[in-house]
């Protein structure tokens, strides 16, 4: 990637992202609302940054993404003629359990 952008409407997130070298895309109230879709945010970003020709969107809920996954997707788009690459998993891997505050036992 030639640049790393963080799309946010939150001042503290923007500040920290800039400290780590990211560029900031300030989301509009429309694309920052709870009901906004990811595609709305990407479309807004691309409309405001027409010089960007490829986008690799990484969700904040995917903190353990390995760099080779991004490199492979970039290679597929740049060298193999793909116009988009989308990764998914067949299983929902989150395992949630509730812990009682009273006795510490898992319920």
C-alpha atoms as a PDB file:
ATOM      1  CA  UNK A   1       0.000   0.000   0.000  1.00  0.00           C
ATOM      2  CA  UNK A   2       1.179   3.511  -0.764  1.00  0.00           C
ATOM      3  CA  UNK A   3      -0.716   5.004   2.152  1.00  0.00           C
ATOM      4  CA  UNK A   4      -2.691   4.010   5.213  1.00  0.00           C
ATOM      5  CA  UNK A   5      -5.881   5.878   6.027  1.00  0.00           C
ATOM      6  CA  UNK A   6      -8.119   5.748   9.060  1.00  0.00           C
ATOM      7  CA  UNK A   7     -11.753   6.631   8.481  1.00  0.00           C
ATOM      8  CA  UNK A   8     -13.247   8.137  11.622  1.00  0.00           C
ATOM      9  CA  UNK A   9     -15.316  10.905  13.123  1.00  0.00           C
ATOM     10  CA  UNK A  10     -13.601  10.571  16.516  1.00  0.00           C
ATOM     11  CA  UNK A  11     -10.908  13.110  17.473  1.00  0.00           C
ATOM     12  CA  UNK A  12      -8.905  10.787  19.721  1.00  0.00           C
ATOM     13  CA  UNK A  13      -8.847   7.983  17.162  1.00  0.00           C
ATOM     14  CA  UNK A  14      -7.713  10.481  14.528  1.00  0.00           C
ATOM     15  CA  UNK A  15      -4.978  11.843  16.811  1.00  0.00           C
ATOM     16  CA  UNK A  16      -3.547   8.415  17.597  1.00  0.00           C
ATOM     17  CA  UNK A  17      -3.766   7.280  13.969  1.00  0.00           C
ATOM     18  CA  UNK A  18      -1.843  10.369  12.867  1.00  0.00           C
ATOM     19  CA  UNK A  19       0.792   9.720  15.538  1.00  0.00           C
ATOM     20  CA  UNK A  20       1.349   6.316  13.949  1.00  0.00           C
ATOM     21  CA  UNK A  21       1.637   7.821  10.456  1.00  0.00           C
ATOM     22  CA  UNK A  22      -1.835   7.257   9.058  1.00  0.00           C
ATOM     23  CA  UNK A  23      -3.733   9.786   7.006  1.00  0.00           C
ATOM     24  CA  UNK A  24      -7.200  10.672   8.252  1.00  0.00           C
ATOM     25  CA  UNK A  25     -10.483  10.582   6.402  1.00  0.00           C
ATOM     26  CA  UNK A  26     -13.011  12.561   8.463  1.00  0.00           C
ATOM     27  CA  UNK A  27     -16.308  10.788   8.037  1.00  0.00           C
ATOM     28  CA  UNK A  28     -19.402  12.857   7.437  1.00  0.00           C
ATOM     29  CA  UNK A  29     -22.326  12.631   9.861  1.00  0.00           C
ATOM     30  CA  UNK A  30     -24.102  10.495   7.251  1.00  0.00           C
ATOM     31  CA  UNK A  31     -21.342   7.885   6.901  1.00  0.00           C
ATOM     32  CA  UNK A  32     -20.553   7.924  10.647  1.00  0.00           C
ATOM     33  CA  UNK A  33     -24.050   7.073  11.834  1.00  0.00           C
ATOM     34  CA  UNK A  34     -24.678   3.683  13.465  1.00  0.00           C
ATOM     35  CA  UNK A  35     -26.770   2.511  10.505  1.00  0.00           C
ATOM     36  CA  UNK A  36     -24.162   3.420   7.869  1.00  0.00           C
ATOM     37  CA  UNK A  37     -22.755   0.603   5.799  1.00  0.00           C
ATOM     38  CA  UNK A  38     -19.090   0.017   5.079  1.00  0.00           C
ATOM     39  CA  UNK A  39     -19.701   0.646   1.394  1.00  0.00           C
ATOM     40  CA  UNK A  40     -21.073   4.116   2.188  1.00  0.00           C
ATOM     41  CA  UNK A  41     -17.839   4.974   3.990  1.00  0.00           C
ATOM     42  CA  UNK A  42     -15.702   3.623   1.141  1.00  0.00           C
ATOM     43  CA  UNK A  43     -17.749   5.490  -1.476  1.00  0.00           C
ATOM     44  CA  UNK A  44     -17.440   8.713   0.493  1.00  0.00           C
ATOM     45  CA  UNK A  45     -13.683   8.196   0.845  1.00  0.00           C
ATOM     46  CA  UNK A  46     -13.233   7.545  -2.872  1.00  0.00           C
ATOM     47  CA  UNK A  47     -15.364  10.551  -3.836  1.00  0.00           C
ATOM     48  CA  UNK A  48     -13.136  12.774  -1.692  1.00  0.00           C
ATOM     49  CA  UNK A  49      -9.873  11.112  -2.786  1.00  0.00           C
ATOM     50  CA  UNK A  50     -10.150  10.439  -6.529  1.00  0.00           C
ATOM     51  CA  UNK A  51      -6.395   9.837  -6.805  1.00  0.00           C
ATOM     52  CA  UNK A  52      -6.809   6.558  -4.889  1.00  0.00           C
ATOM     53  CA  UNK A  53      -7.191   3.687  -7.354  1.00  0.00           C
ATOM     54  CA  UNK A  54      -7.157   0.666  -5.025  1.00  0.00           C
ATOM     55  CA  UNK A  55      -8.683   0.280  -1.588  1.00  0.00           C
ATOM     56  CA  UNK A  56      -7.968  -2.368   1.000  1.00  0.00           C
ATOM     57  CA  UNK A  57     -10.631  -2.058   3.651  1.00  0.00           C
ATOM     58  CA  UNK A  58      -9.780  -3.552   7.025  1.00  0.00           C
ATOM     59  CA  UNK A  59     -12.516  -3.629   9.628  1.00  0.00           C
ATOM     60  CA  UNK A  60     -11.600  -2.587  13.163  1.00  0.00           C
ATOM     61  CA  UNK A  61     -13.092  -5.915  14.240  1.00  0.00           C
ATOM     62  CA  UNK A  62     -10.256  -7.777  12.472  1.00  0.00           C
ATOM     63  CA  UNK A  63      -7.206  -6.879  14.574  1.00  0.00           C
ATOM     64  CA  UNK A  64      -5.418 -10.209  13.969  1.00  0.00           C
ATOM     65  CA  UNK A  65      -5.306  -9.955  10.194  1.00  0.00           C
ATOM     66  CA  UNK A  66      -1.926 -11.148   8.914  1.00  0.00           C
ATOM     67  CA  UNK A  67       0.041  -8.953   6.473  1.00  0.00           C
ATOM     68  CA  UNK A  68       0.333 -11.811   3.965  1.00  0.00           C
ATOM     69  CA  UNK A  69      -3.453 -11.779   3.539  1.00  0.00           C
ATOM     70  CA  UNK A  70      -3.290  -8.140   2.462  1.00  0.00           C
ATOM     71  CA  UNK A  71      -0.270  -8.789   0.255  1.00  0.00           C
ATOM     72  CA  UNK A  72      -2.042 -11.666  -1.480  1.00  0.00           C
ATOM     73  CA  UNK A  73      -5.169  -9.584  -2.121  1.00  0.00           C
ATOM     74  CA  UNK A  74      -3.028  -6.735  -3.455  1.00  0.00           C
ATOM     75  CA  UNK A  75      -1.152  -9.150  -5.719  1.00  0.00           C
ATOM     76  CA  UNK A  76      -4.415 -10.577  -7.034  1.00  0.00           C
ATOM     77  CA  UNK A  77      -5.676  -7.119  -7.952  1.00  0.00           C
ATOM     78  CA  UNK A  78      -2.438  -5.680  -9.286  1.00  0.00           C
ATOM     79  CA  UNK A  79      -1.046  -8.689 -11.148  1.00  0.00           C
ATOM     80  CA  UNK A  80      -3.837 -11.185 -11.776  1.00  0.00           C
ATOM     81  CA  UNK A  81      -6.571  -8.897 -13.083  1.00  0.00           C
ATOM     82  CA  UNK A  82      -9.023  -9.091 -10.196  1.00  0.00           C
ATOM     83  CA  UNK A  83     -11.084  -5.925  -9.730  1.00  0.00           C
ATOM     84  CA  UNK A  84     -11.997  -6.862  -6.156  1.00  0.00           C
ATOM     85  CA  UNK A  85     -11.121  -9.394  -3.484  1.00  0.00           C
ATOM     86  CA  UNK A  86     -13.332 -10.140  -0.492  1.00  0.00           C
ATOM     87  CA  UNK A  87     -12.468 -12.483   2.347  1.00  0.00           C
ATOM     88  CA  UNK A  88     -14.921 -14.259   4.603  1.00  0.00           C
ATOM     89  CA  UNK A  89     -15.012 -17.202   6.940  1.00  0.00           C
ATOM     90  CA  UNK A  90     -17.579 -19.977   7.031  1.00  0.00           C
ATOM     91  CA  UNK A  91     -17.691 -20.104  10.823  1.00  0.00           C
ATOM     92  CA  UNK A  92     -18.509 -17.509  13.428  1.00  0.00           C
ATOM     93  CA  UNK A  93     -15.519 -17.851  15.736  1.00  0.00           C
ATOM     94  CA  UNK A  94     -16.533 -15.631  18.643  1.00  0.00           C
ATOM     95  CA  UNK A  95     -17.332 -17.576  21.790  1.00  0.00           C
ATOM     96  CA  UNK A  96     -19.185 -15.437  24.296  1.00  0.00           C
ATOM     97  CA  UNK A  97     -19.914 -16.490  27.858  1.00  0.00           C
ATOM     98  CA  UNK A  98     -21.383 -14.464  30.651  1.00  0.00           C
ATOM     99  CA  UNK A  99     -19.606 -14.333  33.993  1.00  0.00           C
ATOM    100  CA  UNK A 100     -21.669 -13.596  37.082  1.00  0.00           C
ATOM    101  CA  UNK A 101     -20.247 -10.670  39.056  1.00  0.00           C
ATOM    102  CA  UNK A 102     -21.498 -12.180  42.311  1.00  0.00           C
ATOM    103  CA  UNK A 103     -19.620 -15.469  42.370  1.00  0.00           C
ATOM    104  CA  UNK A 104     -17.377 -15.376  39.306  1.00  0.00           C
ATOM    105  CA  UNK A 105     -18.925 -18.555  37.915  1.00  0.00           C
ATOM    106  CA  UNK A 106     -19.581 -18.852  34.219  1.00  0.00           C
ATOM    107  CA  UNK A 107     -23.282 -19.037  33.451  1.00  0.00           C
END
